[in-house]
Amino acid sequence: MRINTIKPAPGSRRPRLRVGRGASAGQGKTCGRGVKGQRARKGGYHKVGFEGGQMPLQRRMPKVGFRSAIKAKRAEVRLDELAKVNAEVIDLAALKDAHVVPAQAEAAKVVLSGEIKKAVTLRGIGTTKGAKAAIEAAGGRIEV
């Protein structure tokens, strides 16, 4: 095989449509643009969602929802994820090293989801009431 012999697979590239070459060519006279109007004109097109000056649908609909900027900085940790951390004292840095929370997290909170069997010591990490009870029942403790 030589570079000068390489061709695309047959049928993968369609030939360019030659418009305005007579009625027998299939795209004669108006060249497939219909009759009159903005879309028939040279350079006469508009942006996506444009409705001829009428208020576009995406602007008629009410704005919905809210994206919190704080959400990206907070992380949620399940009880069974604490078992993945191999540290005597679990703090935010230990959670980041174990890839339990994202690197950009500035705060973390343990929630009651799953179960924990080993005793762990938490430092500087928030907990819910249920998670705190489960950690203390497993023999762990929480340092504020």
Protein backbone atom coordinates (compact mmCIF):
# COMPACT_ATOMS: atom_id res chain seq x y z
CA MET A 1 0.00 0.00 0.00
CA ARG A 2 1.27 3.47 -0.93
CA ILE A 3 0.12 6.84 0.34
CA ASN A 4 -0.71 8.01 -3.18
CA THR A 5 -3.09 5.07 -3.64
CA ILE A 6 -5.11 5.52 -0.45
CA LYS A 7 -8.79 6.29 -1.10
CA PRO A 8 -11.82 6.49 1.17
CA ALA A 9 -14.09 3.44 1.31
CA PRO A 10 -16.52 3.29 -1.60
CA GLY A 11 -19.78 5.07 -0.72
CA SER A 12 -18.35 6.81 2.35
CA ARG A 13 -18.04 10.20 0.61
CA ARG A 14 -20.92 11.53 -1.46
CA PRO A 15 -20.16 13.78 -4.43
CA ARG A 16 -20.75 17.54 -4.07
CA LEU A 17 -24.26 18.59 -5.05
CA ARG A 18 -24.08 20.85 -8.12
CA VAL A 19 -27.05 23.16 -7.80
CA GLY A 20 -28.46 25.52 -10.41
CA ARG A 21 -27.51 23.34 -13.39
CA GLY A 22 -30.95 22.85 -14.93
CA ALA A 23 -34.16 20.98 -14.17
CA SER A 24 -32.76 17.62 -15.29
CA ALA A 25 -30.04 17.82 -12.61
CA GLY A 26 -32.74 17.81 -9.89
CA GLN A 27 -31.63 21.06 -8.20
CA GLY A 28 -32.24 23.63 -10.95
CA LYS A 29 -33.62 27.18 -10.85
CA THR A 30 -34.17 27.75 -7.10
CA CYS A 31 -31.43 25.27 -6.17
CA GLY A 32 -33.53 23.52 -3.48
CA ARG A 33 -34.13 26.74 -1.53
CA GLY A 34 -37.85 27.01 -2.28
CA VAL A 35 -39.43 30.27 -3.39
CA LYS A 36 -38.60 33.70 -1.88
CA GLY A 37 -38.15 34.44 1.80
CA GLN A 38 -35.13 34.87 4.04
CA ARG A 39 -33.86 31.32 3.56
CA ALA A 40 -33.88 31.74 -0.24
CA ARG A 41 -31.56 34.76 -0.13
CA LYS A 42 -27.81 34.79 -0.28
CA GLY A 43 -26.50 35.22 3.28
CA GLY A 44 -30.05 35.21 4.56
CA TYR A 45 -29.94 32.90 7.52
CA HIS A 46 -30.23 33.32 11.28
CA LYS A 47 -29.14 31.87 14.57
CA VAL A 48 -30.49 28.66 16.10
CA GLY A 49 -33.86 29.19 17.79
CA PHE A 50 -34.68 32.35 15.81
CA GLU A 51 -38.42 32.58 15.15
CA GLY A 52 -38.65 35.53 12.77
CA GLY A 53 -38.59 38.15 15.51
CA GLN A 54 -41.17 36.40 17.70
CA MET A 55 -39.89 35.75 21.22
CA PRO A 56 -38.09 32.37 20.93
CA LEU A 57 -39.35 29.35 22.84
CA GLN A 58 -36.27 29.09 25.06
CA ARG A 59 -36.88 32.69 26.20
CA ARG A 60 -40.62 32.28 26.67
CA MET A 61 -40.13 29.40 29.11
CA PRO A 62 -39.52 30.28 32.78
CA LYS A 63 -36.08 29.80 34.26
CA VAL A 64 -35.98 26.68 36.41
CA GLY A 65 -33.62 25.43 39.06
CA PHE A 66 -30.53 26.63 40.84
CA ARG A 67 -26.93 25.40 40.74
CA SER A 68 -25.11 25.97 43.98
CA ALA A 69 -21.51 27.17 43.74
CA ILE A 70 -20.90 25.71 47.22
CA LYS A 71 -21.85 22.19 46.09
CA ALA A 72 -18.53 21.67 44.27
CA LYS A 73 -16.61 22.43 47.48
CA ARG A 74 -18.59 20.08 49.74
CA ALA A 75 -18.31 16.28 49.73
CA GLU A 76 -20.45 13.51 51.15
CA VAL A 77 -18.84 10.35 52.56
CA ARG A 78 -20.68 7.09 53.26
CA LEU A 79 -19.80 4.95 56.25
CA ASP A 80 -18.55 2.02 54.15
CA GLU A 81 -16.16 4.40 52.32
CA LEU A 82 -14.37 5.13 55.61
CA ALA A 83 -13.07 1.53 55.53
CA LYS A 84 -11.09 2.35 52.35
CA VAL A 85 -9.02 4.95 54.19
CA ASN A 86 -5.79 3.52 55.64
CA ALA A 87 -5.02 6.18 58.24
CA GLU A 88 -5.14 6.23 62.03
CA VAL A 89 -6.83 9.62 62.10
CA ILE A 90 -9.15 10.36 59.21
CA ASP A 91 -9.18 14.00 58.16
CA LEU A 92 -9.89 15.78 54.87
CA ALA A 93 -6.36 15.19 53.57
CA ALA A 94 -6.62 11.44 54.26
CA LEU A 95 -9.94 11.28 52.43
CA LYS A 96 -8.40 13.06 49.42
CA ASP A 97 -5.39 10.71 49.42
CA ALA A 98 -7.72 7.69 49.40
CA HIS A 99 -9.76 9.28 46.53
CA VAL A 100 -12.93 9.15 48.60
CA VAL A 101 -13.64 12.85 48.08
CA PRO A 102 -12.67 15.04 45.08
CA ALA A 103 -9.42 17.00 45.22
CA GLN A 104 -11.22 20.38 45.16
CA ALA A 105 -13.36 19.55 48.21
CA GLU A 106 -12.99 22.00 51.11
CA ALA A 107 -15.31 20.23 53.56
CA ALA A 108 -16.70 16.73 54.03
CA LYS A 109 -19.55 15.17 55.98
CA VAL A 110 -20.12 11.52 56.87
CA VAL A 111 -23.67 10.28 56.30
CA LEU A 112 -25.41 7.15 57.54
CA SER A 113 -25.24 4.91 54.48
CA GLY A 114 -23.78 1.44 54.57
CA GLU A 115 -22.14 0.08 57.70
CA ILE A 116 -18.84 0.39 59.47
CA LYS A 117 -17.12 -2.40 61.40
CA LYS A 118 -13.70 -1.00 62.29
CA ALA A 119 -13.03 1.73 64.85
CA VAL A 120 -12.04 5.00 63.23
CA THR A 121 -11.09 8.44 64.54
CA LEU A 122 -12.48 11.41 62.63
CA ARG A 123 -10.91 14.87 62.87
CA GLY A 124 -12.37 18.01 61.33
CA ILE A 125 -15.09 16.16 59.42
CA GLY A 126 -18.80 16.68 59.97
CA THR A 127 -21.18 13.81 60.69
CA THR A 128 -24.90 13.31 60.80
CA LYS A 129 -26.53 12.11 64.03
CA GLY A 130 -27.00 8.59 62.68
CA ALA A 131 -23.43 8.36 61.33
CA LYS A 132 -22.02 9.60 64.64
CA ALA A 133 -23.97 6.95 66.55
CA ALA A 134 -22.81 4.21 64.14
CA ILE A 135 -19.15 5.25 64.40
CA GLU A 136 -19.28 5.35 68.19
CA ALA A 137 -21.08 1.98 68.28
CA ALA A 138 -18.18 0.49 66.25
CA GLY A 139 -15.71 1.80 68.84
CA GLY A 140 -14.62 4.93 66.97
CA ARG A 141 -14.56 8.52 68.10
CA ILE A 142 -15.05 11.99 66.61
CA GLU A 143 -12.74 14.89 67.37
CA VAL A 144 -14.14 18.33 66.64
